[in-house]
N, C-alpha and C. Protein backbone atom coordinates (compact mmCIF):
# COMPACT_ATOMS: atom_id res chain seq x y z
N UNK A 1 -60.14 72.41 42.00
CA UNK A 1 -59.22 73.16 41.16
C UNK A 1 -57.81 73.05 41.75
N UNK A 2 -56.84 72.74 40.91
CA UNK A 2 -55.46 72.61 41.35
C UNK A 2 -54.80 73.98 41.33
N UNK A 3 -54.09 74.27 42.40
CA UNK A 3 -53.35 75.53 42.43
C UNK A 3 -51.89 75.22 42.15
N UNK A 4 -51.26 76.05 41.39
CA UNK A 4 -49.86 75.88 41.04
C UNK A 4 -49.03 76.88 41.81
N UNK A 5 -47.81 76.50 42.18
CA UNK A 5 -46.96 77.43 42.91
C UNK A 5 -46.64 78.65 42.04
N UNK A 6 -46.47 79.75 42.70
CA UNK A 6 -46.17 81.01 42.02
C UNK A 6 -44.66 81.24 42.05
N UNK A 7 -44.11 81.61 40.91
CA UNK A 7 -42.69 81.95 40.88
C UNK A 7 -42.47 83.20 41.72
N UNK A 8 -41.36 83.22 42.42
CA UNK A 8 -41.01 84.40 43.20
C UNK A 8 -39.72 84.99 42.64
N UNK A 9 -39.31 86.07 43.22
CA UNK A 9 -38.04 86.68 42.81
C UNK A 9 -36.92 86.30 43.78
N UNK A 10 -37.11 85.21 44.51
CA UNK A 10 -36.09 84.77 45.46
C UNK A 10 -34.77 84.56 44.73
N UNK A 11 -33.66 85.04 45.32
CA UNK A 11 -32.36 84.88 44.66
C UNK A 11 -31.92 83.40 44.61
N UNK A 12 -32.46 82.60 45.47
CA UNK A 12 -32.10 81.19 45.54
C UNK A 12 -32.90 80.43 44.48
N UNK A 13 -32.24 79.79 43.50
CA UNK A 13 -32.98 79.11 42.44
C UNK A 13 -33.83 77.94 42.96
N UNK A 14 -33.49 77.37 44.07
CA UNK A 14 -34.29 76.28 44.65
C UNK A 14 -35.62 76.80 45.15
N UNK A 15 -35.64 78.02 45.67
CA UNK A 15 -36.85 78.56 46.28
C UNK A 15 -37.61 79.53 45.38
N UNK A 16 -37.19 79.68 44.12
CA UNK A 16 -37.96 80.53 43.19
C UNK A 16 -39.38 80.00 43.04
N UNK A 17 -39.51 78.68 43.07
CA UNK A 17 -40.83 78.07 43.17
C UNK A 17 -40.90 77.55 44.60
N UNK A 18 -41.75 78.13 45.43
CA UNK A 18 -41.79 77.76 46.84
C UNK A 18 -42.19 76.29 47.03
N UNK A 19 -41.73 75.67 48.12
CA UNK A 19 -42.15 74.31 48.41
C UNK A 19 -43.67 74.22 48.57
N UNK A 20 -44.19 73.05 48.30
CA UNK A 20 -45.63 72.83 48.47
C UNK A 20 -46.01 72.87 49.94
N UNK A 21 -47.26 73.13 50.19
CA UNK A 21 -47.78 73.08 51.56
C UNK A 21 -47.58 71.66 52.10
N UNK A 22 -47.35 71.51 53.41
CA UNK A 22 -47.09 70.18 53.97
C UNK A 22 -48.13 69.12 53.60
N UNK A 23 -49.40 69.47 53.61
CA UNK A 23 -50.44 68.47 53.28
C UNK A 23 -50.34 68.04 51.82
N UNK A 24 -50.05 68.99 50.95
CA UNK A 24 -49.89 68.68 49.53
C UNK A 24 -48.65 67.80 49.33
N UNK A 25 -47.57 68.15 50.01
CA UNK A 25 -46.33 67.36 49.92
C UNK A 25 -46.55 65.94 50.44
N UNK A 26 -47.26 65.81 51.56
CA UNK A 26 -47.51 64.48 52.12
C UNK A 26 -48.33 63.63 51.14
N UNK A 27 -49.31 64.23 50.49
CA UNK A 27 -50.12 63.49 49.51
C UNK A 27 -49.26 63.06 48.33
N UNK A 28 -48.41 63.96 47.84
CA UNK A 28 -47.55 63.64 46.71
C UNK A 28 -46.57 62.52 47.04
N UNK A 29 -45.85 62.67 48.15
CA UNK A 29 -44.84 61.67 48.50
C UNK A 29 -45.46 60.33 48.88
N UNK A 30 -46.62 60.38 49.51
CA UNK A 30 -47.34 59.14 49.81
C UNK A 30 -47.75 58.42 48.54
N UNK A 31 -48.23 59.19 47.57
CA UNK A 31 -48.60 58.60 46.28
C UNK A 31 -47.38 58.05 45.57
N UNK A 32 -46.26 58.74 45.65
CA UNK A 32 -45.04 58.26 45.00
C UNK A 32 -44.63 56.89 45.53
N UNK A 33 -44.74 56.69 46.83
CA UNK A 33 -44.38 55.40 47.42
C UNK A 33 -45.36 54.29 47.02
N UNK A 34 -46.57 54.65 46.65
CA UNK A 34 -47.53 53.67 46.17
C UNK A 34 -47.19 53.20 44.76
N UNK A 35 -46.36 53.98 44.05
CA UNK A 35 -46.01 53.66 42.67
C UNK A 35 -44.59 53.15 42.50
N UNK A 36 -43.73 53.38 43.49
CA UNK A 36 -42.31 53.06 43.35
C UNK A 36 -41.76 52.25 44.51
N UNK A 37 -40.76 51.43 44.19
CA UNK A 37 -39.98 50.72 45.20
C UNK A 37 -38.52 50.88 44.80
N UNK A 38 -37.61 50.92 45.78
CA UNK A 38 -36.21 51.03 45.39
C UNK A 38 -35.55 49.66 45.36
N UNK A 39 -34.38 49.62 44.75
CA UNK A 39 -33.65 48.37 44.54
C UNK A 39 -33.38 47.65 45.86
N UNK A 40 -32.96 48.37 46.87
CA UNK A 40 -32.63 47.73 48.15
C UNK A 40 -33.86 47.09 48.79
N UNK A 41 -35.00 47.75 48.71
CA UNK A 41 -36.22 47.18 49.28
C UNK A 41 -36.66 45.95 48.49
N UNK A 42 -36.52 45.99 47.17
CA UNK A 42 -36.87 44.83 46.36
C UNK A 42 -35.95 43.67 46.70
N UNK A 43 -34.65 43.92 46.83
CA UNK A 43 -33.71 42.86 47.18
C UNK A 43 -34.03 42.26 48.54
N UNK A 44 -34.35 43.10 49.52
CA UNK A 44 -34.70 42.61 50.85
C UNK A 44 -35.96 41.76 50.81
N UNK A 45 -36.95 42.19 50.04
CA UNK A 45 -38.19 41.42 49.93
C UNK A 45 -37.95 40.08 49.24
N UNK A 46 -37.13 40.07 48.19
CA UNK A 46 -36.84 38.82 47.50
C UNK A 46 -36.09 37.84 48.39
N UNK A 47 -35.27 38.36 49.31
CA UNK A 47 -34.50 37.51 50.21
C UNK A 47 -35.29 37.08 51.44
N UNK A 48 -36.46 37.62 51.64
CA UNK A 48 -37.27 37.33 52.82
C UNK A 48 -37.69 35.86 52.87
N UNK A 49 -37.68 35.30 54.05
CA UNK A 49 -38.14 33.92 54.24
C UNK A 49 -39.62 33.75 53.90
N UNK A 50 -40.38 34.83 54.03
CA UNK A 50 -41.81 34.78 53.75
C UNK A 50 -42.13 34.97 52.28
N UNK A 51 -41.11 35.23 51.48
CA UNK A 51 -41.34 35.51 50.07
C UNK A 51 -41.66 36.97 49.87
N UNK A 52 -41.50 37.46 48.65
CA UNK A 52 -41.65 38.89 48.42
C UNK A 52 -43.08 39.41 48.43
N UNK A 53 -44.05 38.57 48.08
CA UNK A 53 -45.43 39.05 47.99
C UNK A 53 -45.74 39.74 46.67
N UNK A 54 -44.81 39.68 45.73
CA UNK A 54 -45.00 40.28 44.42
C UNK A 54 -44.20 39.48 43.40
N UNK A 55 -44.49 39.74 42.13
CA UNK A 55 -43.70 39.19 41.03
C UNK A 55 -42.84 40.32 40.49
N UNK A 56 -41.55 40.05 40.31
CA UNK A 56 -40.65 41.02 39.72
C UNK A 56 -40.60 40.76 38.21
N UNK A 57 -40.86 41.78 37.41
CA UNK A 57 -40.96 41.63 35.97
C UNK A 57 -39.92 42.47 35.26
N UNK A 58 -39.10 41.81 34.46
CA UNK A 58 -38.11 42.46 33.61
C UNK A 58 -38.77 42.72 32.26
N UNK A 59 -38.91 43.98 31.89
CA UNK A 59 -39.66 44.35 30.69
C UNK A 59 -38.77 44.61 29.47
N UNK A 60 -37.50 44.22 29.56
CA UNK A 60 -36.55 44.50 28.48
C UNK A 60 -36.56 43.40 27.41
N UNK A 61 -35.78 43.61 26.37
CA UNK A 61 -35.68 42.66 25.26
C UNK A 61 -34.98 41.37 25.71
N UNK A 62 -35.07 40.35 24.91
CA UNK A 62 -34.40 39.09 25.19
C UNK A 62 -32.89 39.28 25.23
N UNK A 63 -32.36 40.09 24.34
CA UNK A 63 -30.91 40.35 24.34
C UNK A 63 -30.47 41.01 25.65
N UNK A 64 -31.26 41.94 26.13
CA UNK A 64 -30.95 42.61 27.40
C UNK A 64 -31.07 41.63 28.56
N UNK A 65 -32.12 40.83 28.57
CA UNK A 65 -32.33 39.80 29.59
C UNK A 65 -31.12 38.87 29.65
N UNK A 66 -30.65 38.40 28.49
CA UNK A 66 -29.51 37.49 28.44
C UNK A 66 -28.24 38.15 28.96
N UNK A 67 -28.13 39.45 28.76
CA UNK A 67 -26.97 40.21 29.22
C UNK A 67 -26.92 40.27 30.75
N UNK A 68 -28.07 40.25 31.39
CA UNK A 68 -28.14 40.25 32.84
C UNK A 68 -29.53 40.58 33.32
N UNK A 69 -29.97 39.85 34.36
CA UNK A 69 -31.29 40.11 34.94
C UNK A 69 -31.29 39.70 36.41
N UNK A 70 -32.28 40.17 37.12
CA UNK A 70 -32.42 39.88 38.55
C UNK A 70 -32.87 38.42 38.70
N UNK A 71 -32.20 37.65 39.55
CA UNK A 71 -32.61 36.26 39.76
C UNK A 71 -34.07 36.18 40.23
N UNK A 72 -34.82 35.29 39.63
CA UNK A 72 -36.21 35.10 40.01
C UNK A 72 -37.19 35.99 39.27
N UNK A 73 -36.68 36.95 38.49
CA UNK A 73 -37.57 37.83 37.74
C UNK A 73 -38.25 37.04 36.61
N UNK A 74 -39.42 37.51 36.23
CA UNK A 74 -40.14 36.99 35.07
C UNK A 74 -39.78 37.89 33.90
N UNK A 75 -39.48 37.30 32.76
CA UNK A 75 -39.15 38.08 31.58
C UNK A 75 -40.38 38.24 30.70
N UNK A 76 -40.79 39.48 30.52
CA UNK A 76 -41.93 39.78 29.65
C UNK A 76 -41.72 41.17 29.04
N UNK A 77 -41.17 41.24 27.83
CA UNK A 77 -40.96 42.54 27.20
C UNK A 77 -42.27 43.33 27.11
N UNK A 78 -42.15 44.62 27.25
CA UNK A 78 -43.32 45.49 27.27
C UNK A 78 -44.25 45.26 26.08
N UNK A 79 -43.68 45.10 24.91
CA UNK A 79 -44.51 44.93 23.71
C UNK A 79 -45.36 43.66 23.76
N UNK A 80 -45.01 42.70 24.61
CA UNK A 80 -45.74 41.43 24.69
C UNK A 80 -46.71 41.36 25.86
N UNK A 81 -46.73 42.38 26.70
CA UNK A 81 -47.56 42.34 27.90
C UNK A 81 -49.04 42.11 27.58
N UNK A 82 -49.58 42.87 26.65
CA UNK A 82 -51.02 42.76 26.36
C UNK A 82 -51.41 41.34 25.97
N UNK A 83 -50.56 40.66 25.22
CA UNK A 83 -50.90 39.33 24.75
C UNK A 83 -50.52 38.19 25.68
N UNK A 84 -49.54 38.42 26.58
CA UNK A 84 -49.03 37.30 27.37
C UNK A 84 -49.16 37.43 28.88
N UNK A 85 -49.46 38.61 29.39
CA UNK A 85 -49.50 38.81 30.85
C UNK A 85 -50.46 37.84 31.52
N UNK A 86 -51.62 37.66 30.96
CA UNK A 86 -52.63 36.80 31.60
C UNK A 86 -52.18 35.34 31.69
N UNK A 87 -51.26 34.92 30.83
CA UNK A 87 -50.74 33.55 30.85
C UNK A 87 -49.59 33.39 31.85
N UNK A 88 -48.92 34.49 32.18
CA UNK A 88 -47.73 34.42 33.03
C UNK A 88 -47.92 34.97 34.44
N UNK A 89 -48.89 35.85 34.62
CA UNK A 89 -49.03 36.57 35.88
C UNK A 89 -50.40 36.38 36.49
N UNK A 90 -50.43 36.18 37.80
CA UNK A 90 -51.68 36.06 38.55
C UNK A 90 -52.18 37.48 38.85
N UNK A 91 -53.36 37.83 38.41
CA UNK A 91 -53.87 39.19 38.65
C UNK A 91 -54.02 39.53 40.14
N UNK A 92 -54.02 38.54 41.01
CA UNK A 92 -54.15 38.80 42.44
C UNK A 92 -52.81 39.14 43.10
N UNK A 93 -51.71 38.98 42.37
CA UNK A 93 -50.38 39.21 42.93
C UNK A 93 -49.80 40.50 42.34
N UNK A 94 -49.39 41.44 43.18
CA UNK A 94 -48.80 42.68 42.67
C UNK A 94 -47.55 42.39 41.83
N UNK A 95 -47.27 43.29 40.91
CA UNK A 95 -46.11 43.18 40.02
C UNK A 95 -45.22 44.40 40.22
N UNK A 96 -43.91 44.16 40.24
CA UNK A 96 -42.93 45.24 40.28
C UNK A 96 -42.14 45.14 38.98
N UNK A 97 -42.13 46.22 38.21
CA UNK A 97 -41.46 46.23 36.91
C UNK A 97 -40.09 46.88 37.01
N UNK A 98 -39.19 46.44 36.13
CA UNK A 98 -37.92 47.15 35.97
C UNK A 98 -37.44 47.05 34.53
N UNK A 99 -36.57 48.00 34.15
CA UNK A 99 -35.93 48.01 32.85
C UNK A 99 -34.44 48.28 33.09
N UNK A 100 -33.77 49.01 32.17
CA UNK A 100 -32.33 49.21 32.30
C UNK A 100 -31.94 50.08 33.48
N UNK A 101 -32.46 51.28 33.56
CA UNK A 101 -32.01 52.19 34.60
C UNK A 101 -32.80 53.47 34.61
N UNK A 102 -32.31 54.45 35.38
CA UNK A 102 -33.08 55.68 35.54
C UNK A 102 -33.21 56.49 34.25
N UNK A 103 -32.38 56.23 33.26
CA UNK A 103 -32.48 56.94 32.00
C UNK A 103 -33.45 56.30 31.01
N UNK A 104 -34.14 55.26 31.46
CA UNK A 104 -35.06 54.51 30.60
C UNK A 104 -36.44 54.49 31.25
N UNK A 105 -37.47 54.71 30.45
CA UNK A 105 -38.81 54.67 31.01
C UNK A 105 -39.56 53.40 30.61
N UNK A 106 -38.82 52.36 30.24
CA UNK A 106 -39.44 51.09 29.87
C UNK A 106 -40.24 50.47 31.00
N UNK A 107 -39.75 50.58 32.23
CA UNK A 107 -40.48 50.03 33.37
C UNK A 107 -41.78 50.79 33.58
N UNK A 108 -41.77 52.08 33.31
CA UNK A 108 -42.98 52.89 33.42
C UNK A 108 -44.00 52.45 32.37
N UNK A 109 -43.54 52.26 31.14
CA UNK A 109 -44.45 51.80 30.09
C UNK A 109 -45.01 50.42 30.41
N UNK A 110 -44.16 49.53 30.95
CA UNK A 110 -44.63 48.19 31.33
C UNK A 110 -45.65 48.28 32.46
N UNK A 111 -45.37 49.13 33.44
CA UNK A 111 -46.31 49.30 34.56
C UNK A 111 -47.65 49.83 34.06
N UNK A 112 -47.61 50.76 33.14
CA UNK A 112 -48.85 51.30 32.56
C UNK A 112 -49.63 50.19 31.84
N UNK A 113 -48.95 49.40 31.03
CA UNK A 113 -49.62 48.32 30.30
C UNK A 113 -50.26 47.32 31.27
N UNK A 114 -49.56 47.00 32.35
CA UNK A 114 -50.12 46.07 33.34
C UNK A 114 -51.29 46.69 34.09
N UNK A 115 -51.16 47.94 34.48
CA UNK A 115 -52.26 48.62 35.18
C UNK A 115 -53.51 48.67 34.30
N UNK A 116 -53.32 48.91 33.02
CA UNK A 116 -54.46 48.95 32.10
C UNK A 116 -55.13 47.58 31.97
N UNK A 117 -54.40 46.50 32.29
CA UNK A 117 -54.96 45.15 32.29
C UNK A 117 -55.55 44.76 33.65
N UNK A 118 -55.45 45.67 34.61
CA UNK A 118 -56.04 45.42 35.92
C UNK A 118 -55.09 44.92 36.99
N UNK A 119 -53.78 44.92 36.73
CA UNK A 119 -52.80 44.47 37.72
C UNK A 119 -52.43 45.61 38.66
N UNK A 120 -52.17 45.26 39.93
CA UNK A 120 -51.56 46.20 40.86
C UNK A 120 -50.08 46.21 40.53
N UNK A 121 -49.49 47.38 40.42
CA UNK A 121 -48.12 47.45 39.92
C UNK A 121 -47.34 48.59 40.54
N UNK A 122 -46.05 48.34 40.71
CA UNK A 122 -45.08 49.36 41.12
C UNK A 122 -43.89 49.27 40.18
N UNK A 123 -43.09 50.31 40.18
CA UNK A 123 -41.89 50.36 39.36
C UNK A 123 -40.67 50.36 40.29
N UNK A 124 -39.66 49.55 39.95
CA UNK A 124 -38.42 49.53 40.72
C UNK A 124 -37.51 50.65 40.22
N UNK A 125 -37.32 51.66 41.06
CA UNK A 125 -36.47 52.79 40.70
C UNK A 125 -35.02 52.34 40.52
N UNK A 126 -34.37 52.85 39.50
CA UNK A 126 -32.97 52.53 39.26
C UNK A 126 -32.78 51.38 38.30
N UNK A 127 -33.78 50.51 38.19
CA UNK A 127 -33.72 49.40 37.24
C UNK A 127 -32.54 48.47 37.44
N UNK A 128 -32.25 47.73 36.39
CA UNK A 128 -31.17 46.74 36.45
C UNK A 128 -29.82 47.42 36.73
N UNK A 129 -29.62 48.61 36.19
CA UNK A 129 -28.36 49.32 36.42
C UNK A 129 -28.07 49.46 37.91
N UNK A 130 -29.04 49.92 38.67
CA UNK A 130 -28.79 50.13 40.10
C UNK A 130 -28.81 48.82 40.87
N UNK A 131 -29.48 47.82 40.37
CA UNK A 131 -29.39 46.49 40.99
C UNK A 131 -27.92 46.05 41.00
N UNK A 132 -27.28 46.18 39.85
CA UNK A 132 -25.87 45.79 39.72
C UNK A 132 -24.98 46.76 40.51
N UNK A 133 -25.21 48.06 40.39
CA UNK A 133 -24.37 49.05 41.06
C UNK A 133 -24.44 48.93 42.58
N UNK A 134 -25.55 48.44 43.11
CA UNK A 134 -25.65 48.27 44.56
C UNK A 134 -25.07 46.94 45.02
N UNK A 135 -24.53 46.16 44.09
CA UNK A 135 -23.80 44.95 44.47
C UNK A 135 -24.64 43.70 44.61
N UNK A 136 -25.86 43.71 44.10
CA UNK A 136 -26.70 42.52 44.19
C UNK A 136 -26.37 41.56 43.04
N UNK A 137 -26.53 40.27 43.30
CA UNK A 137 -26.23 39.26 42.30
C UNK A 137 -27.22 39.31 41.15
N UNK A 138 -26.73 38.88 39.99
CA UNK A 138 -27.59 38.83 38.80
C UNK A 138 -27.20 37.62 37.97
N UNK A 139 -28.08 37.28 37.04
CA UNK A 139 -27.85 36.14 36.17
C UNK A 139 -27.70 36.60 34.73
N UNK A 140 -26.83 35.92 34.00
CA UNK A 140 -26.67 36.16 32.57
C UNK A 140 -26.88 34.83 31.86
N UNK A 141 -26.79 34.82 30.55
CA UNK A 141 -26.92 33.56 29.82
C UNK A 141 -25.74 32.64 30.13
N UNK A 142 -24.67 33.19 30.73
CA UNK A 142 -23.49 32.40 31.08
C UNK A 142 -23.49 31.94 32.53
N UNK A 143 -24.39 32.44 33.37
CA UNK A 143 -24.41 32.05 34.78
C UNK A 143 -24.59 33.24 35.70
N UNK A 144 -24.29 33.02 36.96
CA UNK A 144 -24.48 34.05 37.99
C UNK A 144 -23.26 34.95 38.09
N UNK A 145 -23.52 36.22 38.40
CA UNK A 145 -22.46 37.20 38.61
C UNK A 145 -22.83 38.13 39.76
N UNK A 146 -21.82 38.78 40.30
CA UNK A 146 -22.01 39.82 41.30
C UNK A 146 -20.82 40.75 41.20
N UNK A 147 -21.08 42.04 41.23
CA UNK A 147 -20.00 43.02 41.18
C UNK A 147 -19.93 43.74 42.52
N UNK A 148 -18.80 44.30 42.78
CA UNK A 148 -18.62 45.08 44.00
C UNK A 148 -19.55 46.29 43.95
N UNK A 149 -20.17 46.59 45.07
CA UNK A 149 -21.08 47.73 45.12
C UNK A 149 -20.34 49.03 44.87
N UNK A 150 -20.96 49.90 44.12
CA UNK A 150 -20.46 51.24 43.88
C UNK A 150 -20.69 52.04 45.16
N UNK A 151 -19.63 52.56 45.81
CA UNK A 151 -19.82 53.26 47.09
C UNK A 151 -20.67 54.52 46.97
N UNK A 152 -20.91 55.01 45.77
CA UNK A 152 -21.77 56.17 45.61
C UNK A 152 -23.25 55.79 45.58
N UNK A 153 -23.55 54.49 45.46
CA UNK A 153 -24.96 54.06 45.41
C UNK A 153 -25.36 53.18 46.57
N UNK A 154 -24.38 52.62 47.27
CA UNK A 154 -24.69 51.67 48.34
C UNK A 154 -23.71 51.87 49.48
N UNK A 155 -24.16 51.67 50.72
CA UNK A 155 -23.25 51.82 51.85
C UNK A 155 -22.18 50.74 51.78
N UNK A 156 -20.95 51.11 52.11
CA UNK A 156 -19.87 50.16 51.98
C UNK A 156 -19.55 49.38 53.25
N UNK A 157 -20.13 49.73 54.37
CA UNK A 157 -19.79 49.03 55.61
C UNK A 157 -21.02 48.38 56.23
N UNK A 158 -22.02 49.17 56.57
CA UNK A 158 -23.14 48.68 57.36
C UNK A 158 -24.17 47.90 56.54
N UNK A 159 -24.21 48.14 55.22
CA UNK A 159 -25.24 47.51 54.41
C UNK A 159 -26.59 48.20 54.54
N UNK A 160 -26.64 49.30 55.28
CA UNK A 160 -27.89 50.02 55.50
C UNK A 160 -27.62 51.51 55.32
N UNK A 161 -28.28 52.11 54.36
CA UNK A 161 -28.03 53.54 54.08
C UNK A 161 -28.72 54.44 55.11
N UNK A 162 -29.59 53.88 55.93
CA UNK A 162 -30.25 54.67 56.95
C UNK A 162 -31.51 55.37 56.48
N UNK A 163 -31.91 55.13 55.24
CA UNK A 163 -33.10 55.81 54.74
C UNK A 163 -34.31 54.92 54.93
């Protein structure tokens, strides 16, 4: 039986619902990391000499793909996953999905469709928006581009946010 936190009368709105017990929090956050990867970790893995160990999948429309996508990503819109995944993806290789950004759940829907087909899958948090905002290169139908990193999303000096 799952127990839910009890609302308190604490004046602090953050603590009106008390934090979870440490063991419950550890299980939750551990599970979250099994489902998600961030943009910086994906970029580091793609740049690794050993290869990333996964396929990066862009689940957006062709028009969105042409507007910009992560170099090396496989393009497979969510609506086509059921019919085409087996032709494009090796079921033995994990897949990391992405869509536009944190305001879009397209990567989540793509991850669900792939998981239902038996693929191991994670979602790249932040999507293409944060890929670009963190200053990583991308490709468009016109060629390669790179924008200056947004200092609110990426460290501006060390290249390492320390997290």
